[in-house]
Amino acid sequence: MPSIDKCSFLILSVVLFTPLGFGQLQPVNSDSVSKANYPAKWDVRVPEGTALAQIRDSYEKHNRIRMMTTDLDDQSPLPFWFRAYLRDQLQNLPTTGKYQYPRVSDQIFGWMLTHPDLRSGDQKASARNVRVAATAIPAGTNVNLTNFAETNSESSIAVDYTNPLVVVSASNNIQQSGHQKQFYSADGGKTWQVTELPLAAGAALQADPSVAFATDGTVWASTLGIDSTGSSVQVEVFKSTNHGATWSFVSSVSSGNNNDKEMIAVDTNPSSPYKDRIYVVWDVPGGGMRFSMSPDQGGSWTPVASLSHDNAIGSDVAIGDHGEVYVGWPDTTSRELRVVRSTDGGAHFSPLQVITKTNASYEISLPPMCRRNALVYVTLATDKSAGSSRGRVYASWTDLNGDTEPGCQGGNGNADVYVSRSDDGGSTWTKPVVMPHTSSGPDRFNQWIDVDPDDGTVYLTYYGTGGDGTRHTTNVYLANSTDGGQNWSESKITSSTTDETVAEADQGNQYGDYNGLAAYKKVIHISWTDRRSGVPGNKEQIFSNAP
């Protein structure tokens, strides 16, 4: 049997020698289910004789153990035994509702399957920054930032307002080294180079990328730092002082061991009293929204603040024209999209306001993404231009258009992208508007929104189906509004389609949960997950448009 590191041995000892192998997972009433109640398609083959196989065996051999039927309210495609393992490792996971397991659980499990001895795949990269690729290869008007035979999904992108030729992006890289990929360009996104984040002490993989620039050109990145056993998920912050070429660890800003879906933003308003403050938000499954900020360029961080105690999933943070801080998220129980505002640099927040109530509560199964499912995710942007809409706040999200979930085969339902706006600091919001179907098909999902601070044009990007007459393939689309979000036009960005329903696709992550969008002085940078024909290894890559 392959050797097991000390950390893995300790956790395996707990698993193997705890009575019944489950710790706290003893039945509390007769309303329970066994392995047979879980879909067989959720199970996977684990390499025998590995540390991961020992974990699987230690749980599956105890057939007396049952989990509550409410565990199946969460349809995350995770095996019975791995769900039980997560409940032992991540204390206080919810026991009811559609969001019981962190969204990052899929990435944790994917990393374990490709690293079954629970060891980081690239120890050297954790100690130094390594350029791992040369300039990417253009594909028409689209550029493959990754250009490797490795799986990448979920991305963020940012432009340096003080030097718009400098652009940085980031993505997951779960199944290979596990280090978050960092892409950087010095010519406005025409050519790119690639590096990786180092690993902080105790971390074996990273997930959920987010990047932002400060006014001095420093690039900030946030990620989830996860240990090799999946028992600790921390929100971590890194920085680069050379336009993304190398990165250094700054701080772990979270508390507890169970955190999910973090995002970062920096106040770049020249006249803001809180200029260059760094804000990070994330959720705790079943525990609500969390927040921390740095007033001194990462030198110190405030204690973690709880912005809510609901069933928040996913988050976004945006900065207003006078330094206001807006944090938005969906609550899976009430089906409300919620937002709070701070006018004192994150010291205090207003009572929560409701943008709207959604049709779906958590995620949507639709033909192009019916294994991972599309997340009901709200993203925020503000108008900081000198135009008539200055100060306006925009929210966009993916939702089920009606009561019918389309599922893998399509049916009558569909997912759509919606937008609402507020002119009073988030207190009231307009009736949601559906993006026009001028060229995209019936399903649209994984949206992101941004406002050009130069002229106030609103931009929105998303996946749309129907590019070849089916509901399985997608293109990336860009919508824009020059009149404050009242009227929109739409154009296709991708030069080739992607199909994530075929057998060779990464069914665990598919497109991921979000894409990246950054607009400045009429130049729009988009990043997205793409697995078009001809990409290296036929694996998911991160693409961008060539401005």
Protein backbone atom coordinates (compact mmCIF):
# COMPACT_ATOMS: atom_id res chain seq x y z
CA MET A 1 0.00 0.00 0.00
CA PRO A 2 1.32 3.50 -0.82
CA SER A 3 2.66 5.47 2.11
CA ILE A 4 0.38 7.95 3.89
CA ASP A 5 1.59 11.28 5.26
CA LYS A 6 1.23 12.13 8.94
CA CYS A 7 -1.84 14.29 8.50
CA SER A 8 -3.61 11.62 6.46
CA PHE A 9 -2.63 8.91 8.97
CA LEU A 10 -4.12 10.86 11.85
CA ILE A 11 -7.41 11.43 10.14
CA LEU A 12 -7.56 7.84 8.94
CA SER A 13 -6.95 6.69 12.51
CA VAL A 14 -9.98 8.65 13.64
CA VAL A 15 -12.11 7.26 10.85
CA LEU A 16 -10.99 3.67 11.23
CA PHE A 17 -11.16 3.40 15.00
CA THR A 18 -14.15 5.57 15.92
CA PRO A 19 -16.98 3.22 16.93
CA LEU A 20 -19.05 2.39 13.85
CA GLY A 21 -16.62 4.58 11.86
CA PHE A 22 -18.89 7.64 11.84
CA GLY A 23 -18.50 9.63 15.01
CA GLN A 24 -21.70 11.70 15.25
CA LEU A 25 -23.61 10.03 12.39
CA GLN A 26 -25.71 7.72 14.57
CA PRO A 27 -29.43 7.58 13.73
CA VAL A 28 -31.50 9.95 15.85
CA ASN A 29 -34.92 8.59 14.85
CA SER A 30 -36.45 5.98 12.56
CA ASP A 31 -36.64 8.33 9.58
CA SER A 32 -33.35 7.17 8.04
CA VAL A 33 -31.90 5.89 4.78
CA SER A 34 -29.03 3.62 3.82
CA LYS A 35 -26.64 3.46 0.91
CA ALA A 36 -29.28 1.73 -1.21
CA ASN A 37 -31.39 4.89 -1.20
CA TYR A 38 -28.68 6.94 -2.94
CA PRO A 39 -28.46 7.05 -6.77
CA ALA A 40 -25.96 4.52 -8.07
CA LYS A 41 -24.75 7.07 -10.64
CA TRP A 42 -23.35 9.17 -7.78
CA ASP A 43 -20.83 6.47 -6.90
CA VAL A 44 -17.41 6.28 -8.49
CA ARG A 45 -14.52 3.87 -8.72
CA VAL A 46 -11.72 4.56 -6.23
CA PRO A 47 -8.19 3.19 -6.83
CA GLU A 48 -7.72 0.22 -4.51
CA GLY A 49 -4.96 0.16 -1.92
CA THR A 50 -4.96 3.95 -1.52
CA ALA A 51 -5.69 6.23 1.41
CA LEU A 52 -8.96 7.24 -0.23
CA ALA A 53 -9.98 3.59 -0.61
CA GLN A 54 -9.35 3.09 3.12
CA ILE A 55 -11.70 5.97 3.89
CA ARG A 56 -14.37 4.50 1.59
CA ASP A 57 -14.02 1.04 3.12
CA SER A 58 -14.16 2.30 6.69
CA TYR A 59 -17.58 3.83 6.00
CA GLU A 60 -19.15 1.31 3.67
CA LYS A 61 -18.42 -1.66 5.93
CA HIS A 62 -20.66 -0.25 8.67
CA ASN A 63 -24.03 -1.08 7.18
CA ARG A 64 -25.87 -0.29 10.42
CA ILE A 65 -25.14 3.38 9.95
CA ARG A 66 -27.99 5.40 8.48
CA MET A 67 -28.29 9.03 7.50
CA MET A 68 -31.48 10.99 7.74
CA THR A 69 -33.77 11.06 4.72
CA THR A 70 -33.40 14.84 4.72
CA ASP A 71 -29.78 14.32 3.63
CA LEU A 72 -31.13 13.56 0.16
CA ASP A 73 -32.73 16.99 -0.05
CA ASP A 74 -29.25 18.05 -1.16
CA GLN A 75 -28.76 16.55 -4.61
CA SER A 76 -25.02 17.15 -4.84
CA PRO A 77 -23.75 14.10 -6.79
CA LEU A 78 -21.54 12.79 -3.99
CA PRO A 79 -21.38 9.09 -2.94
CA PHE A 80 -23.06 8.02 0.28
CA TRP A 81 -19.75 7.16 1.94
CA PHE A 82 -18.15 10.48 1.02
CA ARG A 83 -21.13 12.40 2.37
CA ALA A 84 -20.76 10.55 5.65
CA TYR A 85 -17.04 11.30 5.66
CA LEU A 86 -17.68 15.02 5.09
CA ARG A 87 -20.12 15.12 7.98
CA ASP A 88 -17.42 13.77 10.25
CA GLN A 89 -14.79 16.20 8.99
CA LEU A 90 -16.79 19.42 8.59
CA GLN A 91 -18.63 19.81 11.84
CA ASN A 92 -22.07 21.48 11.97
CA LEU A 93 -23.07 20.87 8.39
CA PRO A 94 -26.81 21.47 7.93
CA THR A 95 -29.07 18.43 8.12
CA THR A 96 -31.97 19.80 6.07
CA GLY A 97 -32.40 21.84 2.91
CA LYS A 98 -30.99 21.75 -0.59
CA TYR A 99 -27.63 23.24 0.44
CA GLN A 100 -26.15 20.96 3.10
CA TYR A 101 -22.74 20.22 1.58
CA PRO A 102 -20.34 23.01 0.59
CA ARG A 103 -20.42 23.68 -3.12
CA VAL A 104 -16.65 23.12 -3.06
CA SER A 105 -17.24 19.49 -1.99
CA ASP A 106 -17.29 18.50 -5.67
CA GLN A 107 -13.82 19.99 -6.11
CA ILE A 108 -12.54 18.33 -2.93
CA PHE A 109 -13.81 14.96 -4.12
CA GLY A 110 -12.43 15.52 -7.63
CA TRP A 111 -9.00 16.31 -6.19
CA MET A 112 -9.08 13.21 -3.98
CA LEU A 113 -9.97 10.98 -6.93
CA THR A 114 -6.97 12.24 -8.88
CA HIS A 115 -4.73 12.30 -5.78
CA PRO A 116 -6.01 9.15 -3.98
CA ASP A 117 -3.02 9.01 -1.65
CA LEU A 118 -4.11 12.44 -0.37
CA ARG A 119 -0.87 14.13 -1.26
CA SER A 120 -0.46 17.39 -3.10
CA GLY A 121 0.43 16.73 -6.73
CA ASP A 122 3.14 19.39 -6.95
CA GLN A 123 5.06 20.05 -3.76
CA LYS A 124 7.67 22.23 -5.51
CA ALA A 125 5.10 24.73 -6.74
CA SER A 126 3.99 25.32 -3.16
CA ALA A 127 7.42 26.69 -2.34
CA ARG A 128 8.07 28.88 -5.35
CA ASN A 129 6.32 30.58 -8.23
CA VAL A 130 6.86 28.82 -11.54
CA ARG A 131 5.94 29.99 -15.01
CA VAL A 132 4.17 26.92 -16.32
CA ALA A 133 3.23 28.04 -19.82
CA ALA A 134 4.29 30.38 -22.56
CA THR A 135 2.02 32.67 -24.55
CA ALA A 136 -1.32 31.05 -25.21
CA ILE A 137 -2.47 30.18 -28.72
CA PRO A 138 -5.21 32.35 -30.25
CA ALA A 139 -8.30 30.66 -31.69
CA GLY A 140 -10.05 33.19 -33.92
CA THR A 141 -11.24 36.01 -31.71
CA ASN A 142 -10.94 33.73 -28.67
CA VAL A 143 -7.75 33.03 -26.73
CA ASN A 144 -7.04 29.82 -24.81
CA LEU A 145 -5.41 31.04 -21.60
CA THR A 146 -4.72 27.54 -20.28
CA ASN A 147 -3.47 25.71 -23.37
CA PHE A 148 -2.59 22.55 -21.38
CA ALA A 149 -3.95 19.02 -21.31
CA GLU A 150 -5.40 19.67 -17.85
CA THR A 151 -8.86 20.45 -16.53
CA ASN A 152 -9.64 24.05 -15.61
CA SER A 153 -13.03 25.52 -14.72
CA GLU A 154 -14.54 28.57 -13.03
CA SER A 155 -12.71 31.85 -13.56
CA SER A 156 -12.35 35.47 -12.54
CA ILE A 157 -10.79 38.39 -14.44
CA ALA A 158 -9.71 41.96 -13.57
CA VAL A 159 -8.13 44.95 -15.34
CA ASP A 160 -5.77 47.52 -13.82
CA TYR A 161 -7.52 50.90 -14.18
CA THR A 162 -4.19 52.70 -13.78
CA ASN A 163 -2.61 50.65 -16.59
CA PRO A 164 -5.37 49.05 -18.70
CA LEU A 165 -2.93 46.93 -20.66
CA VAL A 166 -2.41 44.84 -17.51
CA VAL A 167 -5.05 42.14 -17.11
CA VAL A 168 -5.10 39.20 -14.67
CA SER A 169 -7.35 36.15 -14.58
CA ALA A 170 -7.53 33.02 -12.40
CA SER A 171 -9.15 29.57 -12.47
CA ASN A 172 -9.47 26.28 -10.66
CA ASN A 173 -6.98 23.51 -11.48
CA ILE A 174 -8.37 20.75 -9.30
CA GLN A 175 -7.34 17.53 -11.01
CA GLN A 176 -3.70 18.35 -11.71
CA SER A 177 -1.49 20.27 -9.26
CA GLY A 178 -4.48 21.59 -7.29
CA HIS A 179 -2.92 25.07 -7.25
CA GLN A 180 -5.09 27.92 -8.47
CA LYS A 181 -4.02 28.94 -11.97
CA GLN A 182 -3.13 32.64 -12.43
CA PHE A 183 -3.03 34.13 -15.94
CA TYR A 184 -1.49 37.51 -16.69
CA SER A 185 -1.26 39.76 -19.75
CA ALA A 186 0.75 42.94 -20.37
CA ASP A 187 -0.79 43.77 -23.76
CA GLY A 188 -4.46 44.16 -22.97
CA GLY A 189 -5.35 40.47 -23.22
CA LYS A 190 -3.90 39.70 -26.64
CA THR A 191 -1.26 37.31 -25.25
CA TRP A 192 -1.03 35.64 -21.87
CA GLN A 193 1.38 33.85 -19.57
CA VAL A 194 0.51 31.50 -16.74
CA THR A 195 1.67 30.77 -13.21
CA GLU A 196 0.10 29.32 -10.05
CA LEU A 197 -0.60 30.41 -6.51
CA PRO A 198 1.71 28.89 -3.90
CA LEU A 199 0.05 26.75 -1.25
CA ALA A 200 -0.33 28.17 2.23
CA ALA A 201 0.79 25.98 5.12
CA GLY A 202 -1.58 23.05 5.55
CA ALA A 203 -3.30 23.44 2.18
CA ALA A 204 -3.21 20.80 -0.55
CA LEU A 205 -5.55 22.37 -3.10
CA GLN A 206 -7.31 25.64 -3.89
CA ALA A 207 -10.72 26.48 -5.34
CA ASP A 208 -13.12 29.34 -6.15
CA PRO A 209 -10.84 31.99 -7.71
CA SER A 210 -11.41 35.74 -7.42
CA VAL A 211 -9.05 38.60 -8.40
CA ALA A 212 -9.04 42.41 -8.04
CA PHE A 213 -6.59 45.31 -8.54
CA ALA A 214 -5.72 48.08 -6.08
CA THR A 215 -4.88 51.62 -7.25
CA ASP A 216 -1.14 51.05 -6.87
CA GLY A 217 -1.23 48.13 -9.33
CA THR A 218 -1.08 45.40 -6.68
CA VAL A 219 -3.22 42.42 -7.67
CA TRP A 220 -5.19 40.66 -4.94
CA ALA A 221 -6.48 37.11 -5.19
CA SER A 222 -8.71 35.08 -2.91
CA THR A 223 -9.21 31.34 -2.87
CA LEU A 224 -10.38 28.49 -0.68
CA GLY A 225 -7.36 26.71 0.81
CA ILE A 226 -8.28 23.08 1.49
CA ASP A 227 -6.24 20.48 3.32
CA SER A 228 -5.56 16.99 1.96
CA THR A 229 -8.33 15.36 3.98
CA GLY A 230 -11.05 17.90 3.18
CA SER A 231 -11.45 18.60 6.90
CA SER A 232 -10.45 22.28 6.68
CA VAL A 233 -11.64 24.84 4.13
CA GLN A 234 -10.15 28.29 4.72
CA VAL A 235 -10.62 31.61 2.91
CA GLU A 236 -7.12 32.74 1.92
CA VAL A 237 -5.76 35.94 0.36
CA PHE A 238 -2.67 36.33 -1.87
CA LYS A 239 -1.08 39.28 -3.64
CA SER A 240 1.19 40.06 -6.60
CA THR A 241 3.27 43.22 -6.94
CA ASN A 242 4.52 42.45 -10.47
CA HIS A 243 1.26 42.34 -12.43
CA GLY A 244 0.49 38.70 -11.69
CA ALA A 245 3.83 37.10 -12.58
CA THR A 246 4.53 35.89 -8.99
CA TRP A 247 2.33 35.63 -5.92
CA SER A 248 2.77 35.51 -2.15
CA PHE A 249 0.46 34.34 0.61
CA VAL A 250 -0.95 37.16 2.76
CA SER A 251 -3.46 35.79 5.25
CA SER A 252 -6.19 33.32 6.07
CA VAL A 253 -9.15 35.56 6.86
CA SER A 254 -11.84 33.03 7.78
CA SER A 255 -12.79 31.31 11.00
CA GLY A 256 -13.93 27.71 11.53
CA ASN A 257 -13.22 24.96 9.03
CA ASN A 258 -16.30 25.07 6.81
CA ASN A 259 -16.36 27.98 4.34
CA ASP A 260 -17.54 28.30 0.75
CA LYS A 261 -17.83 30.56 -2.32
CA GLU A 262 -15.61 33.52 -1.41
CA MET A 263 -15.22 36.74 -3.44
CA ILE A 264 -12.83 39.71 -3.16
CA ALA A 265 -13.12 43.41 -4.10
CA VAL A 266 -10.94 46.50 -3.66
CA ASP A 267 -12.16 50.11 -3.39
CA THR A 268 -10.50 51.88 -6.34
CA ASN A 269 -12.49 55.14 -6.17
CA PRO A 270 -9.91 57.98 -6.11
CA SER A 271 -12.09 60.19 -3.89
CA SER A 272 -13.32 57.45 -1.56
CA PRO A 273 -12.37 57.81 2.12
CA TYR A 274 -11.80 54.04 2.08
CA LYS A 275 -9.65 53.88 -1.06
CA ASP A 276 -7.73 50.60 -1.40
CA ARG A 277 -9.60 48.83 1.39
CA ILE A 278 -9.86 45.14 0.57
CA TYR A 279 -13.15 43.32 1.16
CA VAL A 280 -13.72 39.56 1.23
CA VAL A 281 -17.09 37.82 1.58
CA TRP A 282 -18.09 34.15 1.72
CA ASP A 283 -20.77 31.85 3.09
CA VAL A 284 -20.84 29.11 5.72
CA PRO A 285 -23.25 26.32 4.69
CA GLY A 286 -26.30 26.62 6.91
CA GLY A 287 -24.69 29.49 8.84
CA GLY A 288 -25.07 32.58 6.66
CA MET A 289 -22.85 35.20 5.05
CA ARG A 290 -19.41 36.19 6.42
CA PHE A 291 -17.24 39.28 5.89
CA SER A 292 -13.74 40.55 6.62
CA MET A 293 -11.80 43.56 5.39
CA SER A 294 -8.31 45.02 5.48
CA PRO A 295 -7.89 48.79 5.98
CA ASP A 296 -4.12 48.74 5.39
CA GLN A 297 -3.38 46.91 2.13
CA GLY A 298 -3.49 43.46 3.68
CA GLY A 299 -1.43 44.28 6.76
CA SER A 300 -4.29 43.42 9.10
CA TRP A 301 -7.80 42.01 8.82
CA THR A 302 -10.91 42.60 10.89
CA PRO A 303 -12.42 39.73 12.86
CA VAL A 304 -14.94 37.73 10.85
CA ALA A 305 -18.36 39.39 10.91
CA SER A 306 -21.66 37.57 10.36
CA LEU A 307 -23.86 39.45 7.90
CA SER A 308 -26.65 36.90 8.16
CA HIS A 309 -27.62 33.61 9.79
CA ASP A 310 -29.64 32.20 6.92
CA ASN A 311 -29.00 29.50 4.32
CA ALA A 312 -26.85 31.74 2.14
CA ILE A 313 -25.11 30.20 -0.86
CA GLY A 314 -22.61 32.11 -2.94
CA SER A 315 -21.77 35.78 -2.59
CA ASP A 316 -20.66 38.87 -4.39
CA VAL A 317 -19.29 42.21 -3.21
CA ALA A 318 -19.28 45.52 -5.09
CA ILE A 319 -18.10 49.04 -4.23
CA GLY A 320 -20.26 52.12 -4.83
CA ASP A 321 -19.33 55.54 -6.18
CA HIS A 322 -18.63 56.95 -2.68
CA GLY A 323 -17.01 53.84 -1.21
CA GLU A 324 -20.22 52.09 -0.18
CA VAL A 325 -19.88 48.33 0.18
CA TYR A 326 -22.67 46.10 -1.19
CA VAL A 327 -22.85 42.39 -0.42
CA GLY A 328 -25.44 40.18 -2.09
CA TRP A 329 -26.41 36.51 -1.87
CA PRO A 330 -29.32 34.06 -2.38
CA ASP A 331 -31.01 32.43 0.63
CA THR A 332 -32.08 28.90 -0.27
CA THR A 333 -34.85 28.69 2.36
CA SER A 334 -36.77 31.88 1.61
CA ARG A 335 -35.77 31.95 -2.09
CA GLU A 336 -34.89 35.60 -1.59
CA LEU A 337 -31.98 37.44 -3.17
CA ARG A 338 -30.64 39.51 -0.29
CA VAL A 339 -28.33 42.53 -0.07
CA VAL A 340 -26.79 44.67 2.68
CA ARG A 341 -24.87 47.94 2.46
CA SER A 342 -22.12 49.60 4.48
CA THR A 343 -21.43 53.33 4.26
CA ASP A 344 -18.50 53.34 6.70
CA GLY A 345 -15.99 51.09 5.00
CA GLY A 346 -17.36 47.80 6.29
CA ALA A 347 -17.54 48.74 9.98
CA HIS A 348 -21.35 48.41 10.05
CA PHE A 349 -23.98 47.10 7.66
CA SER A 350 -27.61 48.02 7.08
CA PRO A 351 -30.48 45.61 7.73
CA LEU A 352 -30.85 43.23 4.82
CA GLN A 353 -33.03 44.20 1.87
CA VAL A 354 -34.68 41.87 -0.63
CA ILE A 355 -33.99 42.28 -4.35
CA THR A 356 -36.61 39.74 -5.39
CA LYS A 357 -37.87 36.23 -4.74
CA THR A 358 -36.65 33.55 -7.14
CA ASN A 359 -38.46 30.60 -8.66
CA ALA A 360 -35.62 28.17 -7.95
CA SER A 361 -34.22 28.03 -4.46
CA TYR A 362 -30.68 26.78 -5.00
CA GLU A 363 -29.74 25.21 -8.33
CA ILE A 364 -31.30 24.29 -11.65
CA SER A 365 -30.92 21.07 -13.62
CA LEU A 366 -30.90 21.91 -17.31
CA PRO A 367 -29.74 20.06 -20.44
CA PRO A 368 -26.20 21.53 -20.77
CA MET A 369 -25.49 21.25 -17.04
CA CYS A 370 -27.59 18.54 -15.42
CA ARG A 371 -25.01 16.87 -13.19
CA ARG A 372 -23.44 19.80 -11.35
CA ASN A 373 -26.51 21.99 -12.06
CA ALA A 374 -26.54 25.75 -12.58
CA LEU A 375 -26.40 27.75 -9.37
CA VAL A 376 -28.86 30.54 -8.56
CA TYR A 377 -26.06 33.07 -8.16
CA VAL A 378 -26.50 36.83 -7.74
CA THR A 379 -23.73 39.20 -8.91
CA LEU A 380 -23.53 42.95 -8.24
CA ALA A 381 -22.09 45.99 -10.01
CA THR A 382 -22.28 49.76 -9.49
CA ASP A 383 -22.13 52.78 -11.79
CA LYS A 384 -19.15 54.96 -10.83
CA SER A 385 -19.15 57.01 -14.04
CA ALA A 386 -19.97 60.73 -14.33
CA GLY A 387 -23.17 59.92 -16.25
CA SER A 388 -26.81 60.29 -15.27
CA SER A 389 -26.92 56.81 -13.70
CA ARG A 390 -23.98 57.39 -11.33
CA GLY A 391 -24.56 55.58 -8.05
CA ARG A 392 -27.00 53.05 -9.52
CA VAL A 393 -26.58 49.47 -8.27
CA TYR A 394 -27.26 46.49 -10.53
CA ALA A 395 -27.95 42.89 -9.61
CA SER A 396 -28.01 39.95 -12.04
CA TRP A 397 -28.76 36.30 -11.43
CA THR A 398 -29.70 32.97 -13.00
CA ASP A 399 -33.17 31.62 -12.24
CA LEU A 400 -35.72 29.11 -13.41
CA ASN A 401 -38.16 30.82 -15.77
CA GLY A 402 -41.38 29.46 -14.29
CA ASP A 403 -42.19 26.41 -12.19
CA THR A 404 -40.85 23.60 -14.41
CA GLU A 405 -37.24 22.47 -14.07
CA PRO A 406 -36.07 21.28 -17.50
CA GLY A 407 -33.71 18.54 -16.30
CA CYS A 408 -31.34 16.64 -18.56
CA GLN A 409 -33.84 16.05 -21.35
CA GLY A 410 -35.15 19.60 -21.61
CA GLY A 411 -38.90 19.47 -21.07
CA ASN A 412 -40.85 22.73 -21.07
CA GLY A 413 -38.84 24.70 -18.52
CA ASN A 414 -35.72 26.79 -18.99
CA ALA A 415 -33.16 28.86 -17.09
CA ASP A 416 -32.84 32.58 -17.76
CA VAL A 417 -30.69 35.54 -16.76
CA TYR A 418 -32.37 38.42 -14.91
CA VAL A 419 -31.38 41.98 -14.01
CA SER A 420 -32.71 44.47 -11.47
CA ARG A 421 -31.43 47.90 -10.41
CA SER A 422 -31.60 50.22 -7.41
CA ASP A 423 -31.26 54.01 -7.26
CA ASP A 424 -31.51 54.35 -3.48
CA GLY A 425 -28.53 52.37 -2.22
CA GLY A 426 -30.17 48.97 -2.38
CA SER A 427 -33.29 49.81 -0.36
CA THR A 428 -35.69 49.22 -3.25
CA TRP A 429 -35.26 47.40 -6.56
CA THR A 430 -36.97 47.47 -9.94
CA LYS A 431 -39.00 44.57 -11.28
CA PRO A 432 -36.59 41.98 -12.71
CA VAL A 433 -36.01 42.09 -16.45
CA VAL A 434 -35.17 39.00 -18.53
CA MET A 435 -32.26 39.38 -20.93
CA PRO A 436 -33.49 39.49 -24.57
CA HIS A 437 -33.30 36.29 -26.60
CA THR A 438 -31.89 37.82 -29.76
CA SER A 439 -29.30 35.17 -30.54
CA SER A 440 -28.92 32.84 -27.54
CA GLY A 441 -31.14 29.80 -27.08
CA PRO A 442 -33.65 28.79 -24.42
CA ASP A 443 -31.22 28.21 -21.52
CA ARG A 444 -28.90 30.87 -20.11
CA PHE A 445 -26.82 30.55 -16.96
CA ASN A 446 -23.56 31.42 -15.15
CA GLN A 447 -23.96 35.17 -15.64
CA TRP A 448 -21.62 37.95 -14.47
CA ILE A 449 -22.20 41.71 -14.53
CA ASP A 450 -19.94 44.78 -14.64
CA VAL A 451 -20.31 48.51 -15.34
CA ASP A 452 -17.70 50.50 -17.27
CA PRO A 453 -16.62 53.22 -14.79
CA ASP A 454 -15.71 55.48 -17.71
CA ASP A 455 -19.09 55.79 -19.46
CA GLY A 456 -21.59 53.78 -17.36
CA THR A 457 -22.32 51.10 -19.98
CA VAL A 458 -23.63 47.94 -18.30
CA TYR A 459 -22.29 44.60 -19.50
CA LEU A 460 -23.56 41.11 -18.78
CA THR A 461 -22.04 37.80 -19.89
CA TYR A 462 -23.49 34.28 -19.70
CA TYR A 463 -23.70 30.88 -21.38
CA GLY A 464 -26.55 30.37 -23.83
CA THR A 465 -27.73 27.16 -25.50
CA GLY A 466 -29.02 26.61 -29.00
CA GLY A 467 -25.94 27.54 -30.98
CA ASP A 468 -26.34 24.43 -33.16
CA GLY A 469 -30.00 23.69 -32.69
CA THR A 470 -29.62 21.59 -29.52
CA ARG A 471 -29.96 22.37 -25.82
CA HIS A 472 -26.71 20.58 -24.99
CA THR A 473 -24.12 22.85 -26.58
CA THR A 474 -23.39 26.40 -25.44
CA ASN A 475 -21.82 29.64 -26.58
CA VAL A 476 -20.79 32.62 -24.48
CA TYR A 477 -22.82 35.79 -25.02
CA LEU A 478 -22.36 39.42 -24.06
CA ALA A 479 -25.29 41.78 -23.48
CA ASN A 480 -24.89 45.51 -22.99
CA SER A 481 -27.05 48.49 -22.09
CA THR A 482 -26.17 52.13 -22.71
CA ASP A 483 -29.29 53.57 -21.06
CA GLY A 484 -28.91 52.41 -17.48
CA GLY A 485 -30.28 48.89 -17.90
CA GLN A 486 -33.56 49.71 -19.63
CA ASN A 487 -32.74 48.30 -23.08
CA TRP A 488 -30.25 45.62 -24.02
CA SER A 489 -28.51 44.21 -27.06
CA GLU A 490 -26.82 40.81 -27.27
CA SER A 491 -23.91 39.38 -29.26
CA LYS A 492 -22.13 36.01 -29.40
CA ILE A 493 -18.53 35.97 -28.13
CA THR A 494 -17.39 32.40 -28.73
CA SER A 495 -16.21 31.21 -32.13
CA SER A 496 -17.02 27.56 -31.34
CA THR A 497 -19.47 25.69 -29.12
CA THR A 498 -18.86 23.56 -26.02
CA ASP A 499 -20.73 20.40 -25.00
CA GLU A 500 -20.37 19.32 -21.37
CA THR A 501 -22.88 16.47 -21.60
CA VAL A 502 -20.64 13.99 -23.41
CA ALA A 503 -18.79 11.20 -21.65
CA GLU A 504 -15.32 12.78 -21.90
CA ALA A 505 -16.44 16.01 -20.19
CA ASP A 506 -15.64 16.73 -16.54
CA GLN A 507 -19.05 15.80 -15.22
CA GLY A 508 -18.21 16.79 -11.66
CA ASN A 509 -17.49 20.44 -12.40
CA GLN A 510 -18.77 20.92 -15.97
CA TYR A 511 -18.77 24.72 -16.47
CA GLY A 512 -18.25 25.53 -12.79
CA ASP A 513 -20.40 28.16 -11.09
CA TYR A 514 -19.31 31.46 -12.62
CA ASN A 515 -17.31 33.30 -15.28
CA GLY A 516 -15.28 36.53 -15.23
CA LEU A 517 -16.08 39.97 -16.68
CA ALA A 518 -14.23 43.30 -16.47
CA ALA A 519 -14.99 46.44 -18.50
CA TYR A 520 -12.99 49.67 -18.75
CA LYS A 521 -13.07 52.45 -21.36
CA LYS A 522 -15.14 50.38 -23.79
CA VAL A 523 -12.75 47.42 -23.64
CA ILE A 524 -14.43 44.29 -22.31
CA HIS A 525 -12.52 41.30 -20.93
CA ILE A 526 -14.39 38.01 -20.43
CA SER A 527 -13.10 34.68 -19.10
CA TRP A 528 -15.00 31.41 -19.27
CA THR A 529 -14.75 27.61 -19.18
CA ASP A 530 -14.51 26.16 -22.70
CA ARG A 531 -14.00 22.63 -24.04
CA ARG A 532 -14.41 23.12 -27.77
CA SER A 533 -13.12 20.66 -30.33
CA GLY A 534 -9.34 20.64 -30.58
CA VAL A 535 -8.38 21.88 -27.11
CA PRO A 536 -5.38 20.09 -25.53
CA GLY A 537 -6.36 16.72 -24.14
CA ASN A 538 -10.00 17.45 -24.98
CA LYS A 539 -10.24 18.97 -21.49
CA GLU A 540 -11.90 22.06 -20.07
CA GLN A 541 -9.81 25.19 -20.61
CA ILE A 542 -10.11 28.85 -19.67
CA PHE A 543 -10.71 31.10 -22.66
CA SER A 544 -10.93 34.86 -23.06
CA ASN A 545 -11.94 37.18 -25.86
CA ALA A 546 -9.19 39.05 -27.72
CA PRO A 547 -10.17 42.76 -27.48
